[in-house]
């Protein structure tokens, strides 16, 4: 499993938008395609030697939900994958609305497609590589091949959303996406090898403007809640990602006043380690872009 992006909507240069790759042999399967996904995939090829993540090799993807921070790299995945050598349609699976999103992206890039596939086009030898088969899914097994069986389970976010369980010949990996804690996540893991789950620190929650508390409470997971969930789910390794945190100079306007008056604070990783570690006895790590597990 390769973390290609562990960030949030906050434009942190160290953390690309959410994207995780499951690699089995020469095949790669993406979950989410946030901004920066293709550049991070190429970095994994160069820096980690994972050739399955060559952009032209990316042929199957899943999306947890359709928020922009999880999908802003979609056009990049479609078209850079194609110009990098993908010759067959991209297969993508996700919540209702994915089909419509796909159709609109392809229409927006119609001129690009036409000029690359016309009589003088540089993509004529692989003229089908821009195409996408988008599948709106329901809970249950949604994909199976010789390498993986992928099961979707409902999660709790601000729109229709899913987590995914990947069963491979030797591992079970569960990815939550954005969600409030759910029993479905616990059942999907149930002693899994790796659980990738979002978490928001209690310290940051306390600093947020009051108007944001309701959304965070309904649709995200605190470190305290994640510790309780992981204690029940019993993953061999818990990987924490998609945590709101700010480097100096990048706090968005909606946070500025509350953070300015909050006094000095520790790094987000330090806070996560303390808040989860004091409540959870299992093995866990704070995910970073290009970590491999």
C-alpha atoms as a PDB file:
ATOM      1  CA  UNK A   1       0.000   0.000   0.000  1.00  0.00           C
ATOM      2  CA  UNK A   2       1.369   3.405  -1.011  1.00  0.00           C
ATOM      3  CA  UNK A   3       0.085   6.699   0.351  1.00  0.00           C
ATOM      4  CA  UNK A   4       0.131   9.039  -2.629  1.00  0.00           C
ATOM      5  CA  UNK A   5      -1.684  11.818  -0.811  1.00  0.00           C
ATOM      6  CA  UNK A   6      -2.569  12.277   2.851  1.00  0.00           C
ATOM      7  CA  UNK A   7      -3.834  15.848   2.874  1.00  0.00           C
ATOM      8  CA  UNK A   8      -7.068  17.779   3.272  1.00  0.00           C
ATOM      9  CA  UNK A   9      -8.576  20.704   1.339  1.00  0.00           C
ATOM     10  CA  UNK A  10      -5.832  22.858   2.913  1.00  0.00           C
ATOM     11  CA  UNK A  11      -3.139  23.379   0.209  1.00  0.00           C
ATOM     12  CA  UNK A  12      -0.168  22.035   2.155  1.00  0.00           C
ATOM     13  CA  UNK A  13       2.801  21.535  -0.250  1.00  0.00           C
ATOM     14  CA  UNK A  14       3.954  18.522   1.784  1.00  0.00           C
ATOM     15  CA  UNK A  15       0.634  16.679   1.501  1.00  0.00           C
ATOM     16  CA  UNK A  16      -1.135  16.078  -1.782  1.00  0.00           C
ATOM     17  CA  UNK A  17      -4.860  15.489  -1.896  1.00  0.00           C
ATOM     18  CA  UNK A  18      -6.157  12.125  -0.669  1.00  0.00           C
ATOM     19  CA  UNK A  19      -5.007   9.198  -2.811  1.00  0.00           C
ATOM     20  CA  UNK A  20      -3.963   5.684  -1.832  1.00  0.00           C
ATOM     21  CA  UNK A  21      -2.635   2.921  -4.064  1.00  0.00           C
ATOM     22  CA  UNK A  22      -2.927  -0.804  -3.483  1.00  0.00           C
ATOM     23  CA  UNK A  23      -0.216  -2.553  -5.497  1.00  0.00           C
ATOM     24  CA  UNK A  24      -0.378  -6.284  -6.235  1.00  0.00           C
ATOM     25  CA  UNK A  25       2.419  -7.488  -8.479  1.00  0.00           C
ATOM     26  CA  UNK A  26       2.410  -5.324 -11.592  1.00  0.00           C
ATOM     27  CA  UNK A  27      -1.091  -3.959 -10.999  1.00  0.00           C
ATOM     28  CA  UNK A  28      -2.124  -0.847  -9.097  1.00  0.00           C
ATOM     29  CA  UNK A  29      -5.556   0.153  -7.782  1.00  0.00           C
ATOM     30  CA  UNK A  30      -6.243   3.741  -6.700  1.00  0.00           C
ATOM     31  CA  UNK A  31      -8.571   4.898  -3.966  1.00  0.00           C
ATOM     32  CA  UNK A  32      -9.354   8.599  -4.445  1.00  0.00           C
ATOM     33  CA  UNK A  33      -7.589  10.975  -6.799  1.00  0.00           C
ATOM     34  CA  UNK A  34      -7.003  14.261  -5.048  1.00  0.00           C
ATOM     35  CA  UNK A  35      -4.865  17.048  -6.510  1.00  0.00           C
ATOM     36  CA  UNK A  36      -1.295  15.931  -7.193  1.00  0.00           C
ATOM     37  CA  UNK A  37      -2.106  12.237  -7.607  1.00  0.00           C
ATOM     38  CA  UNK A  38      -0.237  11.724 -10.891  1.00  0.00           C
ATOM     39  CA  UNK A  39       2.885  13.600  -9.772  1.00  0.00           C
ATOM     40  CA  UNK A  40       2.961  11.594  -6.548  1.00  0.00           C
ATOM     41  CA  UNK A  41       2.504   8.364  -8.496  1.00  0.00           C
ATOM     42  CA  UNK A  42       5.487   9.238 -10.667  1.00  0.00           C
ATOM     43  CA  UNK A  43       7.476  10.068  -7.522  1.00  0.00           C
ATOM     44  CA  UNK A  44       6.700   6.591  -6.204  1.00  0.00           C
ATOM     45  CA  UNK A  45       8.121   5.147  -9.431  1.00  0.00           C
ATOM     46  CA  UNK A  46      11.309   7.221  -9.234  1.00  0.00           C
ATOM     47  CA  UNK A  47      11.906   7.329  -5.471  1.00  0.00           C
ATOM     48  CA  UNK A  48      10.460   3.972  -4.396  1.00  0.00           C
ATOM     49  CA  UNK A  49      10.950   1.845  -7.510  1.00  0.00           C
ATOM     50  CA  UNK A  50       7.241   0.939  -7.767  1.00  0.00           C
ATOM     51  CA  UNK A  51       6.856   0.599 -11.525  1.00  0.00           C
ATOM     52  CA  UNK A  52       3.188  -0.404 -11.253  1.00  0.00           C
ATOM     53  CA  UNK A  53       2.468   3.267 -10.483  1.00  0.00           C
ATOM     54  CA  UNK A  54       3.682   4.554 -13.839  1.00  0.00           C
ATOM     55  CA  UNK A  55       0.815   6.890 -14.873  1.00  0.00           C
ATOM     56  CA  UNK A  56       0.158   4.868 -18.009  1.00  0.00           C
ATOM     57  CA  UNK A  57      -0.356   1.773 -15.844  1.00  0.00           C
ATOM     58  CA  UNK A  58      -3.163   3.307 -13.782  1.00  0.00           C
ATOM     59  CA  UNK A  59      -6.268   1.595 -15.133  1.00  0.00           C
ATOM     60  CA  UNK A  60      -8.581   0.970 -12.136  1.00  0.00           C
ATOM     61  CA  UNK A  61      -9.660   3.507  -9.524  1.00  0.00           C
ATOM     62  CA  UNK A  62     -12.214   3.882  -6.750  1.00  0.00           C
ATOM     63  CA  UNK A  63     -13.460   7.080  -5.131  1.00  0.00           C
ATOM     64  CA  UNK A  64     -14.839   7.307  -1.604  1.00  0.00           C
ATOM     65  CA  UNK A  65     -16.994  10.388  -2.248  1.00  0.00           C
ATOM     66  CA  UNK A  66     -17.200  13.307  -4.633  1.00  0.00           C
ATOM     67  CA  UNK A  67     -15.815  16.176  -2.571  1.00  0.00           C
ATOM     68  CA  UNK A  68     -13.333  18.221  -4.582  1.00  0.00           C
ATOM     69  CA  UNK A  69     -10.283  17.418  -2.452  1.00  0.00           C
ATOM     70  CA  UNK A  70     -10.777  13.724  -3.314  1.00  0.00           C
ATOM     71  CA  UNK A  71     -11.552  14.244  -7.010  1.00  0.00           C
ATOM     72  CA  UNK A  72      -9.665  17.339  -8.236  1.00  0.00           C
ATOM     73  CA  UNK A  73      -7.033  15.068  -9.790  1.00  0.00           C
ATOM     74  CA  UNK A  74      -9.598  13.137 -11.847  1.00  0.00           C
ATOM     75  CA  UNK A  75      -8.906  14.882 -15.152  1.00  0.00           C
ATOM     76  CA  UNK A  76      -5.175  14.456 -14.547  1.00  0.00           C
ATOM     77  CA  UNK A  77      -5.681  10.729 -13.941  1.00  0.00           C
ATOM     78  CA  UNK A  78      -7.712  10.430 -17.152  1.00  0.00           C
ATOM     79  CA  UNK A  79      -5.607  12.486 -19.531  1.00  0.00           C
ATOM     80  CA  UNK A  80      -2.070  12.236 -18.198  1.00  0.00           C
ATOM     81  CA  UNK A  81      -2.574   8.496 -17.856  1.00  0.00           C
ATOM     82  CA  UNK A  82      -3.599   8.455 -21.503  1.00  0.00           C
ATOM     83  CA  UNK A  83      -0.743  10.628 -22.776  1.00  0.00           C
ATOM     84  CA  UNK A  84       1.617   8.471 -20.697  1.00  0.00           C
ATOM     85  CA  UNK A  85       0.584   5.343 -22.533  1.00  0.00           C
ATOM     86  CA  UNK A  86      -2.704   3.953 -21.241  1.00  0.00           C
ATOM     87  CA  UNK A  87      -4.389   2.416 -24.277  1.00  0.00           C
ATOM     88  CA  UNK A  88      -7.591   1.046 -22.723  1.00  0.00           C
ATOM     89  CA  UNK A  89     -10.472   2.856 -21.004  1.00  0.00           C
ATOM     90  CA  UNK A  90     -10.014   3.779 -17.347  1.00  0.00           C
ATOM     91  CA  UNK A  91     -12.353   1.855 -15.020  1.00  0.00           C
ATOM     92  CA  UNK A  92     -13.617   3.973 -12.109  1.00  0.00           C
ATOM     93  CA  UNK A  93     -16.036   3.020  -9.309  1.00  0.00           C
ATOM     94  CA  UNK A  94     -17.757   5.305  -6.831  1.00  0.00           C
ATOM     95  CA  UNK A  95     -20.939   6.864  -5.405  1.00  0.00           C
ATOM     96  CA  UNK A  96     -23.918   8.081  -7.385  1.00  0.00           C
ATOM     97  CA  UNK A  97     -22.931  11.146  -9.376  1.00  0.00           C
ATOM     98  CA  UNK A  98     -19.606   9.726 -10.564  1.00  0.00           C
ATOM     99  CA  UNK A  99     -21.035   9.012 -14.011  1.00  0.00           C
ATOM    100  CA  UNK A 100     -22.251  12.578 -14.388  1.00  0.00           C
ATOM    101  CA  UNK A 101     -18.941  14.016 -13.166  1.00  0.00           C
ATOM    102  CA  UNK A 102     -17.094  11.857 -15.675  1.00  0.00           C
ATOM    103  CA  UNK A 103     -19.286  12.901 -18.601  1.00  0.00           C
ATOM    104  CA  UNK A 104     -18.785  16.590 -17.803  1.00  0.00           C
ATOM    105  CA  UNK A 105     -14.993  16.250 -17.516  1.00  0.00           C
ATOM    106  CA  UNK A 106     -14.792  14.475 -20.864  1.00  0.00           C
ATOM    107  CA  UNK A 107     -16.972  17.142 -22.449  1.00  0.00           C
ATOM    108  CA  UNK A 108     -14.787  19.899 -20.981  1.00  0.00           C
ATOM    109  CA  UNK A 109     -11.732  18.320 -22.624  1.00  0.00           C
ATOM    110  CA  UNK A 110     -13.422  17.545 -25.936  1.00  0.00           C
ATOM    111  CA  UNK A 111     -11.053  19.788 -27.921  1.00  0.00           C
ATOM    112  CA  UNK A 112      -8.031  18.095 -26.347  1.00  0.00           C
ATOM    113  CA  UNK A 113      -9.412  14.655 -27.225  1.00  0.00           C
ATOM    114  CA  UNK A 114     -10.254  15.631 -30.795  1.00  0.00           C
ATOM    115  CA  UNK A 115      -6.888  17.205 -31.550  1.00  0.00           C
ATOM    116  CA  UNK A 116      -4.983  14.260 -30.091  1.00  0.00           C
ATOM    117  CA  UNK A 117      -6.971  11.686 -32.074  1.00  0.00           C
ATOM    118  CA  UNK A 118      -7.481  13.413 -35.440  1.00  0.00           C
ATOM    119  CA  UNK A 119      -5.445  12.671 -38.578  1.00  0.00           C
ATOM    120  CA  UNK A 120      -2.460  14.591 -37.215  1.00  0.00           C
ATOM    121  CA  UNK A 121      -2.958  13.700 -33.556  1.00  0.00           C
ATOM    122  CA  UNK A 122      -0.094  12.366 -31.472  1.00  0.00           C
ATOM    123  CA  UNK A 123      -2.318   9.888 -29.603  1.00  0.00           C
ATOM    124  CA  UNK A 124      -3.846   8.120 -32.602  1.00  0.00           C
ATOM    125  CA  UNK A 125      -2.055   4.790 -31.867  1.00  0.00           C
ATOM    126  CA  UNK A 126      -3.826   4.633 -28.491  1.00  0.00           C
ATOM    127  CA  UNK A 127      -6.988   6.467 -29.434  1.00  0.00           C
ATOM    128  CA  UNK A 128      -9.169   4.744 -26.778  1.00  0.00           C
ATOM    129  CA  UNK A 129      -6.994   5.663 -23.794  1.00  0.00           C
ATOM    130  CA  UNK A 130      -9.021   8.799 -22.956  1.00  0.00           C
ATOM    131  CA  UNK A 131     -12.220   6.834 -22.445  1.00  0.00           C
ATOM    132  CA  UNK A 132     -13.650   6.131 -18.991  1.00  0.00           C
ATOM    133  CA  UNK A 133     -16.089   3.484 -17.829  1.00  0.00           C
ATOM    134  CA  UNK A 134     -17.616   5.037 -14.706  1.00  0.00           C
ATOM    135  CA  UNK A 135     -19.595   2.739 -12.402  1.00  0.00           C
ATOM    136  CA  UNK A 136     -22.021   4.109  -9.797  1.00  0.00           C
ATOM    137  CA  UNK A 137     -21.890   1.514  -7.014  1.00  0.00           C
ATOM    138  CA  UNK A 138     -23.881   0.092  -4.119  1.00  0.00           C
ATOM    139  CA  UNK A 139     -22.589  -1.700  -0.992  1.00  0.00           C
ATOM    140  CA  UNK A 140     -21.090  -5.148  -1.515  1.00  0.00           C
ATOM    141  CA  UNK A 141     -18.459  -6.678  -3.770  1.00  0.00           C
ATOM    142  CA  UNK A 142     -17.983  -4.214  -6.634  1.00  0.00           C
ATOM    143  CA  UNK A 143     -14.796  -5.435  -8.301  1.00  0.00           C
ATOM    144  CA  UNK A 144     -12.888  -8.666  -8.613  1.00  0.00           C
ATOM    145  CA  UNK A 145      -9.932  -9.850 -10.676  1.00  0.00           C
ATOM    146  CA  UNK A 146      -7.060 -12.301 -10.218  1.00  0.00           C
ATOM    147  CA  UNK A 147      -5.359  -9.967  -7.714  1.00  0.00           C
ATOM    148  CA  UNK A 148      -8.064  -8.395  -5.566  1.00  0.00           C
ATOM    149  CA  UNK A 149     -11.637  -8.523  -4.394  1.00  0.00           C
ATOM    150  CA  UNK A 150     -12.936  -5.051  -3.546  1.00  0.00           C
ATOM    151  CA  UNK A 151     -15.907  -4.609  -1.218  1.00  0.00           C
ATOM    152  CA  UNK A 152     -17.615  -1.249  -0.734  1.00  0.00           C
ATOM    153  CA  UNK A 153     -19.279  -0.380   2.567  1.00  0.00           C
ATOM    154  CA  UNK A 154     -21.285   2.749   3.428  1.00  0.00           C
ATOM    155  CA  UNK A 155     -19.675   5.424   5.548  1.00  0.00           C
ATOM    156  CA  UNK A 156     -21.072   8.605   7.103  1.00  0.00           C
ATOM    157  CA  UNK A 157     -20.107  11.876   5.482  1.00  0.00           C
ATOM    158  CA  UNK A 158     -21.828  14.969   4.086  1.00  0.00           C
ATOM    159  CA  UNK A 159     -22.832  13.131   0.910  1.00  0.00           C
ATOM    160  CA  UNK A 160     -23.103   9.538  -0.249  1.00  0.00           C
ATOM    161  CA  UNK A 161     -19.769   7.968   0.662  1.00  0.00           C
ATOM    162  CA  UNK A 162     -18.057   4.598   0.807  1.00  0.00           C
ATOM    163  CA  UNK A 163     -15.052   2.915   2.334  1.00  0.00           C
ATOM    164  CA  UNK A 164     -13.317   0.043   0.589  1.00  0.00           C
ATOM    165  CA  UNK A 165     -11.883  -3.294   1.684  1.00  0.00           C
ATOM    166  CA  UNK A 166      -9.248  -4.903  -0.511  1.00  0.00           C
ATOM    167  CA  UNK A 167      -8.758  -8.633  -0.104  1.00  0.00           C
ATOM    168  CA  UNK A 168      -5.575  -9.777  -1.836  1.00  0.00           C
ATOM    169  CA  UNK A 169      -3.882 -13.203  -1.737  1.00  0.00           C
ATOM    170  CA  UNK A 170      -1.949 -12.246   1.395  1.00  0.00           C
ATOM    171  CA  UNK A 171      -3.452  -9.099   2.969  1.00  0.00           C
ATOM    172  CA  UNK A 172      -6.674  -7.324   3.860  1.00  0.00           C
ATOM    173  CA  UNK A 173      -6.564  -3.524   3.646  1.00  0.00           C
ATOM    174  CA  UNK A 174      -9.420  -1.183   4.585  1.00  0.00           C
ATOM    175  CA  UNK A 175      -9.602   2.505   3.628  1.00  0.00           C
ATOM    176  CA  UNK A 176     -12.178   4.717   5.308  1.00  0.00           C
ATOM    177  CA  UNK A 177     -12.276   7.928   3.311  1.00  0.00           C
ATOM    178  CA  UNK A 178     -13.921  10.833   5.130  1.00  0.00           C
ATOM    179  CA  UNK A 179     -16.361   9.586   7.722  1.00  0.00           C
ATOM    180  CA  UNK A 180     -17.779   9.682  11.193  1.00  0.00           C
ATOM    181  CA  UNK A 181     -17.102   6.388  13.038  1.00  0.00           C
ATOM    182  CA  UNK A 182     -19.298   3.546  11.755  1.00  0.00           C
ATOM    183  CA  UNK A 183     -19.948  -0.077  12.632  1.00  0.00           C
ATOM    184  CA  UNK A 184     -19.507  -0.892   8.944  1.00  0.00           C
ATOM    185  CA  UNK A 185     -15.872   0.196   9.144  1.00  0.00           C
ATOM    186  CA  UNK A 186     -15.282  -2.007  12.187  1.00  0.00           C
ATOM    187  CA  UNK A 187     -16.884  -4.989  10.450  1.00  0.00           C
ATOM    188  CA  UNK A 188     -14.948  -4.420   7.234  1.00  0.00           C
ATOM    189  CA  UNK A 189     -11.658  -4.468   9.141  1.00  0.00           C
ATOM    190  CA  UNK A 190     -12.263  -7.094  11.830  1.00  0.00           C
ATOM    191  CA  UNK A 191      -8.589  -7.854  12.374  1.00  0.00           C
ATOM    192  CA  UNK A 192      -7.461  -6.565   8.959  1.00  0.00           C
ATOM    193  CA  UNK A 193      -3.784  -6.132   8.166  1.00  0.00           C
ATOM    194  CA  UNK A 194      -4.039  -2.368   7.587  1.00  0.00           C
ATOM    195  CA  UNK A 195      -6.761   0.136   8.409  1.00  0.00           C
ATOM    196  CA  UNK A 196      -6.323   3.587   6.846  1.00  0.00           C
ATOM    197  CA  UNK A 197      -8.582   6.033   8.651  1.00  0.00           C
ATOM    198  CA  UNK A 198      -9.007   9.774   8.938  1.00  0.00           C
ATOM    199  CA  UNK A 199      -8.661  11.564  12.282  1.00  0.00           C
ATOM    200  CA  UNK A 200      -9.041  15.123  13.514  1.00  0.00           C
ATOM    201  CA  UNK A 201      -7.237  16.187  16.676  1.00  0.00           C
ATOM    202  CA  UNK A 202      -9.139  17.285  19.738  1.00  0.00           C
ATOM    203  CA  UNK A 203      -6.707  20.194  20.018  1.00  0.00           C
ATOM    204  CA  UNK A 204      -7.595  21.478  16.551  1.00  0.00           C
ATOM    205  CA  UNK A 205     -11.307  20.924  17.171  1.00  0.00           C
ATOM    206  CA  UNK A 206     -11.064  23.154  20.226  1.00  0.00           C
ATOM    207  CA  UNK A 207      -9.479  25.908  18.107  1.00  0.00           C
ATOM    208  CA  UNK A 208     -12.030  25.758  15.307  1.00  0.00           C
ATOM    209  CA  UNK A 209     -14.668  28.481  15.029  1.00  0.00           C
ATOM    210  CA  UNK A 210     -17.903  27.418  16.700  1.00  0.00           C
ATOM    211  CA  UNK A 211     -19.744  27.461  13.367  1.00  0.00           C
ATOM    212  CA  UNK A 212     -17.633  24.524  12.152  1.00  0.00           C
ATOM    213  CA  UNK A 213     -18.204  22.212  15.117  1.00  0.00           C
ATOM    214  CA  UNK A 214     -21.479  20.756  13.887  1.00  0.00           C
ATOM    215  CA  UNK A 215     -20.021  19.628  10.554  1.00  0.00           C
ATOM    216  CA  UNK A 216     -16.933  18.124  12.169  1.00  0.00           C
ATOM    217  CA  UNK A 217     -19.012  16.309  14.793  1.00  0.00           C
ATOM    218  CA  UNK A 218     -21.371  14.783  12.219  1.00  0.00           C
ATOM    219  CA  UNK A 219     -19.004  13.907   9.423  1.00  0.00           C
ATOM    220  CA  UNK A 220     -15.458  13.402  10.709  1.00  0.00           C
ATOM    221  CA  UNK A 221     -13.670  11.328  13.354  1.00  0.00           C
ATOM    222  CA  UNK A 222     -11.765  12.646  16.360  1.00  0.00           C
ATOM    223  CA  UNK A 223      -8.631  10.959  17.661  1.00  0.00           C
ATOM    224  CA  UNK A 224     -10.623   9.826  20.689  1.00  0.00           C
ATOM    225  CA  UNK A 225     -13.259   8.221  18.463  1.00  0.00           C
ATOM    226  CA  UNK A 226     -10.629   6.616  16.239  1.00  0.00           C
ATOM    227  CA  UNK A 227      -8.896   5.062  19.222  1.00  0.00           C
ATOM    228  CA  UNK A 228     -12.194   3.511  20.305  1.00  0.00           C
ATOM    229  CA  UNK A 229     -12.981   2.316  16.783  1.00  0.00           C
ATOM    230  CA  UNK A 230      -9.542   0.767  16.281  1.00  0.00           C
ATOM    231  CA  UNK A 231      -9.764  -0.984  19.641  1.00  0.00           C
ATOM    232  CA  UNK A 232     -12.867  -2.774  18.315  1.00  0.00           C
ATOM    233  CA  UNK A 233     -11.669  -3.249  14.721  1.00  0.00           C
ATOM    234  CA  UNK A 234      -8.259  -4.631  15.819  1.00  0.00           C
ATOM    235  CA  UNK A 235      -6.156  -3.844  12.734  1.00  0.00           C
ATOM    236  CA  UNK A 236      -2.595  -5.127  12.776  1.00  0.00           C
ATOM    237  CA  UNK A 237      -1.579  -1.609  11.718  1.00  0.00           C
ATOM    238  CA  UNK A 238      -3.608   1.602  11.922  1.00  0.00           C
ATOM    239  CA  UNK A 239      -2.538   4.329   9.467  1.00  0.00           C
ATOM    240  CA  UNK A 240      -3.860   7.809  10.244  1.00  0.00           C
ATOM    241  CA  UNK A 241      -4.357  10.273   7.395  1.00  0.00           C
ATOM    242  CA  UNK A 242      -6.464  13.239   6.215  1.00  0.00           C
ATOM    243  CA  UNK A 243      -5.888  15.303   9.362  1.00  0.00           C
ATOM    244  CA  UNK A 244      -6.363  19.061   9.431  1.00  0.00           C
ATOM    245  CA  UNK A 245      -3.107  20.769  10.347  1.00  0.00           C
ATOM    246  CA  UNK A 246      -1.374  23.980   9.319  1.00  0.00           C
ATOM    247  CA  UNK A 247       2.166  24.898   8.523  1.00  0.00           C
ATOM    248  CA  UNK A 248       2.963  28.575   9.176  1.00  0.00           C
ATOM    249  CA  UNK A 249       1.454  30.752   6.487  1.00  0.00           C
ATOM    250  CA  UNK A 250      -1.189  28.413   5.075  1.00  0.00           C
ATOM    251  CA  UNK A 251      -4.102  28.624   7.511  1.00  0.00           C
ATOM    252  CA  UNK A 252      -7.170  29.590   5.445  1.00  0.00           C
ATOM    253  CA  UNK A 253      -9.180  32.721   6.328  1.00  0.00           C
ATOM    254  CA  UNK A 254     -11.934  30.790   8.119  1.00  0.00           C
ATOM    255  CA  UNK A 255      -9.376  29.638  10.705  1.00  0.00           C
ATOM    256  CA  UNK A 256      -7.164  32.702  11.019  1.00  0.00           C
ATOM    257  CA  UNK A 257      -8.801  34.514  13.919  1.00  0.00           C
ATOM    258  CA  UNK A 258      -9.215  31.444  16.109  1.00  0.00           C
ATOM    259  CA  UNK A 259      -5.687  30.183  15.447  1.00  0.00           C
ATOM    260  CA  UNK A 260      -4.071  33.584  15.924  1.00  0.00           C
ATOM    261  CA  UNK A 261      -5.523  33.771  19.427  1.00  0.00           C
ATOM    262  CA  UNK A 262      -4.749  30.171  20.320  1.00  0.00           C
ATOM    263  CA  UNK A 263      -1.112  30.652  21.289  1.00  0.00           C
ATOM    264  CA  UNK A 264       1.799  28.430  20.241  1.00  0.00           C
ATOM    265  CA  UNK A 265       1.017  24.849  19.294  1.00  0.00           C
ATOM    266  CA  UNK A 266       2.872  21.613  18.635  1.00  0.00           C
ATOM    267  CA  UNK A 267       3.081  19.927  15.259  1.00  0.00           C
ATOM    268  CA  UNK A 268       0.026  18.006  14.139  1.00  0.00           C
ATOM    269  CA  UNK A 269       1.993  14.741  14.151  1.00  0.00           C
ATOM    270  CA  UNK A 270       3.011  15.274  17.772  1.00  0.00           C
ATOM    271  CA  UNK A 271      -0.569  15.941  18.782  1.00  0.00           C
ATOM    272  CA  UNK A 272      -1.824  12.873  16.912  1.00  0.00           C
ATOM    273  CA  UNK A 273       0.790  10.656  18.541  1.00  0.00           C
ATOM    274  CA  UNK A 274      -0.171  11.886  22.008  1.00  0.00           C
ATOM    275  CA  UNK A 275      -3.947  11.889  21.583  1.00  0.00           C
ATOM    276  CA  UNK A 276      -4.147   8.452  19.938  1.00  0.00           C
ATOM    277  CA  UNK A 277      -1.273   6.837  21.828  1.00  0.00           C
ATOM    278  CA  UNK A 278      -2.781   7.689  25.204  1.00  0.00           C
ATOM    279  CA  UNK A 279      -6.037   5.954  24.233  1.00  0.00           C
ATOM    280  CA  UNK A 280      -5.039   3.110  21.914  1.00  0.00           C
ATOM    281  CA  UNK A 281      -2.624   0.272  22.667  1.00  0.00           C
ATOM    282  CA  UNK A 282      -2.303  -1.112  19.131  1.00  0.00           C
ATOM    283  CA  UNK A 283       0.316  -0.286  16.521  1.00  0.00           C
ATOM    284  CA  UNK A 284      -0.332   2.913  14.598  1.00  0.00           C
ATOM    285  CA  UNK A 285       1.530   5.398  12.412  1.00  0.00           C
ATOM    286  CA  UNK A 286       0.849   8.895  11.149  1.00  0.00           C
ATOM    287  CA  UNK A 287       0.779   8.583   7.362  1.00  0.00           C
ATOM    288  CA  UNK A 288       2.879  10.790   5.121  1.00  0.00           C
ATOM    289  CA  UNK A 289       2.904  11.136   1.352  1.00  0.00           C
ATOM    290  CA  UNK A 290       4.885   8.324  -0.323  1.00  0.00           C
ATOM    291  CA  UNK A 291       4.938   6.093   2.754  1.00  0.00           C
ATOM    292  CA  UNK A 292       4.828   2.428   1.799  1.00  0.00           C
ATOM    293  CA  UNK A 293       3.304  -0.280   4.034  1.00  0.00           C
END
